[in-house]
């Protein structure tokens, strides 16, 4: 008998099958986080607005990736 989604542990939820939409969203989140991280780690001096936006992109991409990975395909 398959466990109901409410009873899944975090490890089971992260290793369960992810729906196609959330796989795509996870990839977009990884790209946003990578782009933001690249701008933040740039060795050149950038305007403060660009650095601030890069920080927001990194956080948004990381959250998007984590939430998308935890989505589980339903019945």
PDB file of N, CA and C in Angstrom:
ATOM      1  N   UNK A   1       0.838  -1.190   0.000  1.00  0.00           N
ATOM      2  CA  UNK A   1       0.000   0.000   0.000  1.00  0.00           C
ATOM      3  C   UNK A   1       0.882   1.253   0.000  1.00  0.00           C
ATOM      4  N   UNK A   2       0.545   2.183  -0.843  1.00  0.00           N
ATOM      5  CA  UNK A   2       1.325   3.404  -0.972  1.00  0.00           C
ATOM      6  C   UNK A   2       0.978   4.379   0.160  1.00  0.00           C
ATOM      7  N   UNK A   3       2.014   4.984   0.746  1.00  0.00           N
ATOM      8  CA  UNK A   3       1.773   5.967   1.803  1.00  0.00           C
ATOM      9  C   UNK A   3       1.080   7.186   1.228  1.00  0.00           C
ATOM     10  N   UNK A   4       0.202   7.775   2.010  1.00  0.00           N
ATOM     11  CA  UNK A   4      -0.423   9.018   1.579  1.00  0.00           C
ATOM     12  C   UNK A   4       0.618  10.125   1.610  1.00  0.00           C
ATOM     13  N   UNK A   5       0.396  11.147   0.801  1.00  0.00           N
ATOM     14  CA  UNK A   5       1.383  12.219   0.685  1.00  0.00           C
ATOM     15  C   UNK A   5       1.591  12.955   1.998  1.00  0.00           C
ATOM     16  N   UNK A   6       0.586  13.035   2.841  1.00  0.00           N
ATOM     17  CA  UNK A   6       0.727  13.731   4.116  1.00  0.00           C
ATOM     18  C   UNK A   6       1.655  12.989   5.067  1.00  0.00           C
ATOM     19  N   UNK A   7       1.802  11.677   4.869  1.00  0.00           N
ATOM     20  CA  UNK A   7       2.599  10.862   5.773  1.00  0.00           C
ATOM     21  C   UNK A   7       4.044  10.679   5.317  1.00  0.00           C
ATOM     22  N   UNK A   8       4.441  11.281   4.196  1.00  0.00           N
ATOM     23  CA  UNK A   8       5.796  11.127   3.701  1.00  0.00           C
ATOM     24  C   UNK A   8       6.789  11.904   4.560  1.00  0.00           C
ATOM     25  N   UNK A   9       7.936  11.297   4.815  1.00  0.00           N
ATOM     26  CA  UNK A   9       9.003  12.014   5.500  1.00  0.00           C
ATOM     27  C   UNK A   9       9.697  12.918   4.483  1.00  0.00           C
ATOM     28  N   UNK A  10      10.551  13.800   4.952  1.00  0.00           N
ATOM     29  CA  UNK A  10      11.244  14.721   4.057  1.00  0.00           C
ATOM     30  C   UNK A  10      12.127  13.948   3.076  1.00  0.00           C
ATOM     31  N   UNK A  11      12.820  12.943   3.558  1.00  0.00           N
ATOM     32  CA  UNK A  11      13.672  12.146   2.683  1.00  0.00           C
ATOM     33  C   UNK A  11      12.883  11.415   1.610  1.00  0.00           C
ATOM     34  N   UNK A  12      11.738  10.849   1.978  1.00  0.00           N
ATOM     35  CA  UNK A  12      10.888  10.170   1.006  1.00  0.00           C
ATOM     36  C   UNK A  12      10.322  11.155  -0.007  1.00  0.00           C
ATOM     37  N   UNK A  13       9.960  12.330   0.466  1.00  0.00           N
ATOM     38  CA  UNK A  13       9.395  13.346  -0.428  1.00  0.00           C
ATOM     39  C   UNK A  13      10.447  13.812  -1.436  1.00  0.00           C
ATOM     40  N   UNK A  14      11.683  14.012  -0.988  1.00  0.00           N
ATOM     41  CA  UNK A  14      12.722  14.490  -1.888  1.00  0.00           C
ATOM     42  C   UNK A  14      13.153  13.429  -2.893  1.00  0.00           C
ATOM     43  N   UNK A  15      13.002  12.145  -2.541  1.00  0.00           N
ATOM     44  CA  UNK A  15      13.400  11.086  -3.465  1.00  0.00           C
ATOM     45  C   UNK A  15      12.235  10.570  -4.308  1.00  0.00           C
ATOM     46  N   UNK A  16      11.022  11.055  -4.081  1.00  0.00           N
ATOM     47  CA  UNK A  16       9.855  10.627  -4.864  1.00  0.00           C
ATOM     48  C   UNK A  16       9.880  11.286  -6.239  1.00  0.00           C
ATOM     49  N   UNK A  17       9.059  10.765  -7.131  1.00  0.00           N
ATOM     50  CA  UNK A  17       8.996  11.290  -8.492  1.00  0.00           C
ATOM     51  C   UNK A  17       8.432  12.709  -8.503  1.00  0.00           C
ATOM     52  N   UNK A  18       9.096  13.586  -9.265  1.00  0.00           N
ATOM     53  CA  UNK A  18       8.703  14.987  -9.374  1.00  0.00           C
ATOM     54  C   UNK A  18       7.941  15.200 -10.682  1.00  0.00           C
ATOM     55  N   UNK A  19       6.822  15.938 -10.663  1.00  0.00           N
ATOM     56  CA  UNK A  19       6.085  16.214 -11.903  1.00  0.00           C
ATOM     57  C   UNK A  19       6.922  17.027 -12.894  1.00  0.00           C
ATOM     58  N   UNK A  20       6.607  16.894 -14.191  1.00  0.00           N
ATOM     59  CA  UNK A  20       7.372  17.553 -15.253  1.00  0.00           C
ATOM     60  C   UNK A  20       7.426  19.067 -15.084  1.00  0.00           C
ATOM     61  N   UNK A  21       6.302  19.686 -14.719  1.00  0.00           N
ATOM     62  CA  UNK A  21       6.278  21.140 -14.543  1.00  0.00           C
ATOM     63  C   UNK A  21       7.286  21.582 -13.483  1.00  0.00           C
ATOM     64  N   UNK A  22       7.358  20.847 -12.380  1.00  0.00           N
ATOM     65  CA  UNK A  22       8.265  21.233 -11.311  1.00  0.00           C
ATOM     66  C   UNK A  22       9.723  20.910 -11.652  1.00  0.00           C
ATOM     67  N   UNK A  23       9.952  19.942 -12.530  1.00  0.00           N
ATOM     68  CA  UNK A  23      11.316  19.698 -13.008  1.00  0.00           C
ATOM     69  C   UNK A  23      11.797  20.903 -13.817  1.00  0.00           C
ATOM     70  N   UNK A  24      10.913  21.427 -14.659  1.00  0.00           N
ATOM     71  CA  UNK A  24      11.252  22.614 -15.446  1.00  0.00           C
ATOM     72  C   UNK A  24      11.479  23.815 -14.539  1.00  0.00           C
ATOM     73  N   UNK A  25      10.605  23.982 -13.559  1.00  0.00           N
ATOM     74  CA  UNK A  25      10.743  25.088 -12.608  1.00  0.00           C
ATOM     75  C   UNK A  25      12.041  24.971 -11.815  1.00  0.00           C
ATOM     76  N   UNK A  26      12.416  23.753 -11.458  1.00  0.00           N
ATOM     77  CA  UNK A  26      13.667  23.519 -10.722  1.00  0.00           C
ATOM     78  C   UNK A  26      14.864  23.942 -11.569  1.00  0.00           C
ATOM     79  N   UNK A  27      14.826  23.618 -12.868  1.00  0.00           N
ATOM     80  CA  UNK A  27      15.922  23.992 -13.758  1.00  0.00           C
ATOM     81  C   UNK A  27      16.028  25.512 -13.889  1.00  0.00           C
ATOM     82  N   UNK A  28      14.889  26.179 -14.010  1.00  0.00           N
ATOM     83  CA  UNK A  28      14.886  27.648 -14.089  1.00  0.00           C
ATOM     84  C   UNK A  28      15.451  28.239 -12.795  1.00  0.00           C
ATOM     85  N   UNK A  29      15.061  27.675 -11.654  1.00  0.00           N
ATOM     86  CA  UNK A  29      15.573  28.144 -10.366  1.00  0.00           C
ATOM     87  C   UNK A  29      17.078  27.972 -10.248  1.00  0.00           C
ATOM     88  N   UNK A  30      17.593  26.842 -10.725  1.00  0.00           N
ATOM     89  CA  UNK A  30      19.041  26.618 -10.695  1.00  0.00           C
ATOM     90  C   UNK A  30      19.773  27.636 -11.567  1.00  0.00           C
ATOM     91  N   UNK A  31      19.194  27.945 -12.717  1.00  0.00           N
ATOM     92  CA  UNK A  31      19.806  28.941 -13.608  1.00  0.00           C
ATOM     93  C   UNK A  31      19.813  30.331 -12.979  1.00  0.00           C
ATOM     94  N   UNK A  32      18.699  30.701 -12.344  1.00  0.00           N
ATOM     95  CA  UNK A  32      18.644  32.005 -11.671  1.00  0.00           C
ATOM     96  C   UNK A  32      19.662  32.095 -10.544  1.00  0.00           C
ATOM     97  N   UNK A  33      19.755  31.035  -9.746  1.00  0.00           N
ATOM     98  CA  UNK A  33      20.710  31.029  -8.633  1.00  0.00           C
ATOM     99  C   UNK A  33      22.144  31.093  -9.152  1.00  0.00           C
ATOM    100  N   UNK A  34      22.420  30.383 -10.237  1.00  0.00           N
ATOM    101  CA  UNK A  34      23.770  30.399 -10.802  1.00  0.00           C
ATOM    102  C   UNK A  34      24.123  31.778 -11.370  1.00  0.00           C
ATOM    103  N   UNK A  35      23.169  32.391 -12.063  1.00  0.00           N
ATOM    104  CA  UNK A  35      23.419  33.723 -12.634  1.00  0.00           C
ATOM    105  C   UNK A  35      23.637  34.756 -11.528  1.00  0.00           C
ATOM    106  N   UNK A  36      22.799  34.700 -10.509  1.00  0.00           N
ATOM    107  CA  UNK A  36      22.964  35.639  -9.392  1.00  0.00           C
ATOM    108  C   UNK A  36      24.272  35.424  -8.662  1.00  0.00           C
ATOM    109  N   UNK A  37      24.643  34.166  -8.457  1.00  0.00           N
ATOM    110  CA  UNK A  37      25.909  33.866  -7.790  1.00  0.00           C
ATOM    111  C   UNK A  37      27.106  34.314  -8.604  1.00  0.00           C
ATOM    112  N   UNK A  38      27.018  34.180  -9.926  1.00  0.00           N
ATOM    113  CA  UNK A  38      28.118  34.621 -10.791  1.00  0.00           C
ATOM    114  C   UNK A  38      28.310  36.130 -10.713  1.00  0.00           C
ATOM    115  N   UNK A  39      27.201  36.868 -10.688  1.00  0.00           N
ATOM    116  CA  UNK A  39      27.307  38.332 -10.601  1.00  0.00           C
ATOM    117  C   UNK A  39      27.849  38.734  -9.229  1.00  0.00           C
ATOM    118  N   UNK A  40      27.382  38.049  -8.172  1.00  0.00           N
ATOM    119  CA  UNK A  40      27.857  38.393  -6.830  1.00  0.00           C
ATOM    120  C   UNK A  40      29.338  38.098  -6.645  1.00  0.00           C
ATOM    121  N   UNK A  41      29.841  37.079  -7.334  1.00  0.00           N
ATOM    122  CA  UNK A  41      31.250  36.717  -7.153  1.00  0.00           C
ATOM    123  C   UNK A  41      32.166  37.376  -8.176  1.00  0.00           C
ATOM    124  N   UNK A  42      31.631  38.262  -9.001  1.00  0.00           N
ATOM    125  CA  UNK A  42      32.439  38.941 -10.010  1.00  0.00           C
ATOM    126  C   UNK A  42      33.513  39.786  -9.328  1.00  0.00           C
ATOM    127  N   UNK A  43      34.697  39.755  -9.922  1.00  0.00           N
ATOM    128  CA  UNK A  43      35.812  40.482  -9.307  1.00  0.00           C
ATOM    129  C   UNK A  43      35.849  41.956  -9.708  1.00  0.00           C
ATOM    130  N   UNK A  44      34.954  42.372 -10.587  1.00  0.00           N
ATOM    131  CA  UNK A  44      34.900  43.781 -10.984  1.00  0.00           C
ATOM    132  C   UNK A  44      33.906  44.520 -10.087  1.00  0.00           C
ATOM    133  N   UNK A  45      34.071  45.800  -9.991  1.00  0.00           N
ATOM    134  CA  UNK A  45      33.166  46.619  -9.196  1.00  0.00           C
ATOM    135  C   UNK A  45      31.898  46.892  -9.999  1.00  0.00           C
ATOM    136  N   UNK A  46      30.770  46.539  -9.419  1.00  0.00           N
ATOM    137  CA  UNK A  46      29.478  46.726 -10.087  1.00  0.00           C
ATOM    138  C   UNK A  46      28.630  47.712  -9.292  1.00  0.00           C
ATOM    139  N   UNK A  47      27.696  48.379  -9.943  1.00  0.00           N
ATOM    140  CA  UNK A  47      26.791  49.276  -9.218  1.00  0.00           C
ATOM    141  C   UNK A  47      25.996  48.518  -8.156  1.00  0.00           C
ATOM    142  N   UNK A  48      25.643  49.225  -7.118  1.00  0.00           N
ATOM    143  CA  UNK A  48      24.944  48.609  -5.992  1.00  0.00           C
ATOM    144  C   UNK A  48      23.606  48.014  -6.412  1.00  0.00           C
ATOM    145  N   UNK A  49      22.926  48.628  -7.352  1.00  0.00           N
ATOM    146  CA  UNK A  49      21.619  48.119  -7.797  1.00  0.00           C
ATOM    147  C   UNK A  49      21.764  46.740  -8.434  1.00  0.00           C
ATOM    148  N   UNK A  50      22.811  46.548  -9.214  1.00  0.00           N
ATOM    149  CA  UNK A  50      23.027  45.255  -9.866  1.00  0.00           C
ATOM    150  C   UNK A  50      23.360  44.186  -8.834  1.00  0.00           C
ATOM    151  N   UNK A  51      24.164  44.531  -7.856  1.00  0.00           N
ATOM    152  CA  UNK A  51      24.522  43.576  -6.803  1.00  0.00           C
ATOM    153  C   UNK A  51      23.283  43.216  -5.974  1.00  0.00           C
ATOM    154  N   UNK A  52      22.433  44.179  -5.710  1.00  0.00           N
ATOM    155  CA  UNK A  52      21.202  43.918  -4.958  1.00  0.00           C
ATOM    156  C   UNK A  52      20.271  42.992  -5.737  1.00  0.00           C
ATOM    157  N   UNK A  53      20.093  43.267  -7.020  1.00  0.00           N
ATOM    158  CA  UNK A  53      19.248  42.413  -7.862  1.00  0.00           C
ATOM    159  C   UNK A  53      19.832  41.005  -7.944  1.00  0.00           C
ATOM    160  N   UNK A  54      21.136  40.887  -8.035  1.00  0.00           N
ATOM    161  CA  UNK A  54      21.779  39.570  -8.088  1.00  0.00           C
ATOM    162  C   UNK A  54      21.538  38.793  -6.795  1.00  0.00           C
ATOM    163  N   UNK A  55      21.541  39.484  -5.672  1.00  0.00           N
ATOM    164  CA  UNK A  55      21.237  38.826  -4.399  1.00  0.00           C
ATOM    165  C   UNK A  55      19.818  38.308  -4.362  1.00  0.00           C
ATOM    166  N   UNK A  56      18.886  39.107  -4.851  1.00  0.00           N
ATOM    167  CA  UNK A  56      17.493  38.672  -4.910  1.00  0.00           C
ATOM    168  C   UNK A  56      17.312  37.496  -5.870  1.00  0.00           C
ATOM    169  N   UNK A  57      18.006  37.527  -7.014  1.00  0.00           N
ATOM    170  CA  UNK A  57      17.938  36.423  -7.966  1.00  0.00           C
ATOM    171  C   UNK A  57      18.456  35.126  -7.345  1.00  0.00           C
ATOM    172  N   UNK A  58      19.541  35.233  -6.597  1.00  0.00           N
ATOM    173  CA  UNK A  58      20.115  34.050  -5.962  1.00  0.00           C
ATOM    174  C   UNK A  58      19.144  33.456  -4.951  1.00  0.00           C
ATOM    175  N   UNK A  59      18.557  34.288  -4.122  1.00  0.00           N
ATOM    176  CA  UNK A  59      17.607  33.800  -3.120  1.00  0.00           C
ATOM    177  C   UNK A  59      16.358  33.230  -3.792  1.00  0.00           C
ATOM    178  N   UNK A  60      15.820  33.930  -4.784  1.00  0.00           N
ATOM    179  CA  UNK A  60      14.614  33.456  -5.474  1.00  0.00           C
ATOM    180  C   UNK A  60      14.876  32.127  -6.182  1.00  0.00           C
ATOM    181  N   UNK A  61      16.015  32.004  -6.823  1.00  0.00           N
ATOM    182  CA  UNK A  61      16.352  30.762  -7.510  1.00  0.00           C
ATOM    183  C   UNK A  61      16.534  29.603  -6.546  1.00  0.00           C
ATOM    184  N   UNK A  62      17.147  29.860  -5.402  1.00  0.00           N
ATOM    185  CA  UNK A  62      17.352  28.819  -4.405  1.00  0.00           C
ATOM    186  C   UNK A  62      16.029  28.350  -3.826  1.00  0.00           C
ATOM    187  N   UNK A  63      15.157  29.279  -3.497  1.00  0.00           N
ATOM    188  CA  UNK A  63      13.842  28.917  -2.953  1.00  0.00           C
ATOM    189  C   UNK A  63      13.020  28.174  -3.995  1.00  0.00           C
ATOM    190  N   UNK A  64      13.038  28.643  -5.234  1.00  0.00           N
ATOM    191  CA  UNK A  64      12.298  27.995  -6.304  1.00  0.00           C
ATOM    192  C   UNK A  64      12.772  26.558  -6.501  1.00  0.00           C
ATOM    193  N   UNK A  65      14.075  26.344  -6.442  1.00  0.00           N
ATOM    194  CA  UNK A  65      14.632  25.006  -6.608  1.00  0.00           C
ATOM    195  C   UNK A  65      14.219  24.096  -5.457  1.00  0.00           C
ATOM    196  N   UNK A  66      14.294  24.594  -4.236  1.00  0.00           N
ATOM    197  CA  UNK A  66      13.951  23.768  -3.079  1.00  0.00           C
ATOM    198  C   UNK A  66      12.472  23.385  -3.076  1.00  0.00           C
ATOM    199  N   UNK A  67      11.607  24.330  -3.366  1.00  0.00           N
ATOM    200  CA  UNK A  67      10.171  24.049  -3.377  1.00  0.00           C
ATOM    201  C   UNK A  67       9.828  23.092  -4.515  1.00  0.00           C
ATOM    202  N   UNK A  68      10.436  23.284  -5.674  1.00  0.00           N
ATOM    203  CA  UNK A  68      10.159  22.412  -6.807  1.00  0.00           C
ATOM    204  C   UNK A  68      10.634  20.993  -6.558  1.00  0.00           C
ATOM    205  N   UNK A  69      11.747  20.842  -5.868  1.00  0.00           N
ATOM    206  CA  UNK A  69      12.256  19.508  -5.585  1.00  0.00           C
ATOM    207  C   UNK A  69      11.346  18.762  -4.604  1.00  0.00           C
ATOM    208  N   UNK A  70      10.687  19.479  -3.726  1.00  0.00           N
ATOM    209  CA  UNK A  70       9.834  18.840  -2.716  1.00  0.00           C
ATOM    210  C   UNK A  70       8.443  18.506  -3.243  1.00  0.00           C
ATOM    211  N   UNK A  71       8.111  18.936  -4.460  1.00  0.00           N
ATOM    212  CA  UNK A  71       6.796  18.613  -5.033  1.00  0.00           C
ATOM    213  C   UNK A  71       6.759  17.134  -5.398  1.00  0.00           C
ATOM    214  N   UNK A  72       5.639  16.484  -5.090  1.00  0.00           N
ATOM    215  CA  UNK A  72       5.490  15.053  -5.317  1.00  0.00           C
ATOM    216  C   UNK A  72       4.341  14.814  -6.283  1.00  0.00           C
ATOM    217  N   UNK A  73       4.559  13.889  -7.197  1.00  0.00           N
ATOM    218  CA  UNK A  73       3.514  13.535  -8.154  1.00  0.00           C
ATOM    219  C   UNK A  73       2.387  12.830  -7.425  1.00  0.00           C
ATOM    220  N   UNK A  74       1.174  13.335  -7.608  1.00  0.00           N
ATOM    221  CA  UNK A  74       0.012  12.783  -6.902  1.00  0.00           C
ATOM    222  C   UNK A  74      -0.568  11.572  -7.604  1.00  0.00           C
ATOM    223  N   UNK A  75      -1.683  11.124  -7.075  1.00  0.00           N
ATOM    224  CA  UNK A  75      -2.342   9.922  -7.608  1.00  0.00           C
ATOM    225  C   UNK A  75      -3.077  10.211  -8.890  1.00  0.00           C
TER     226      UNK A  75
END
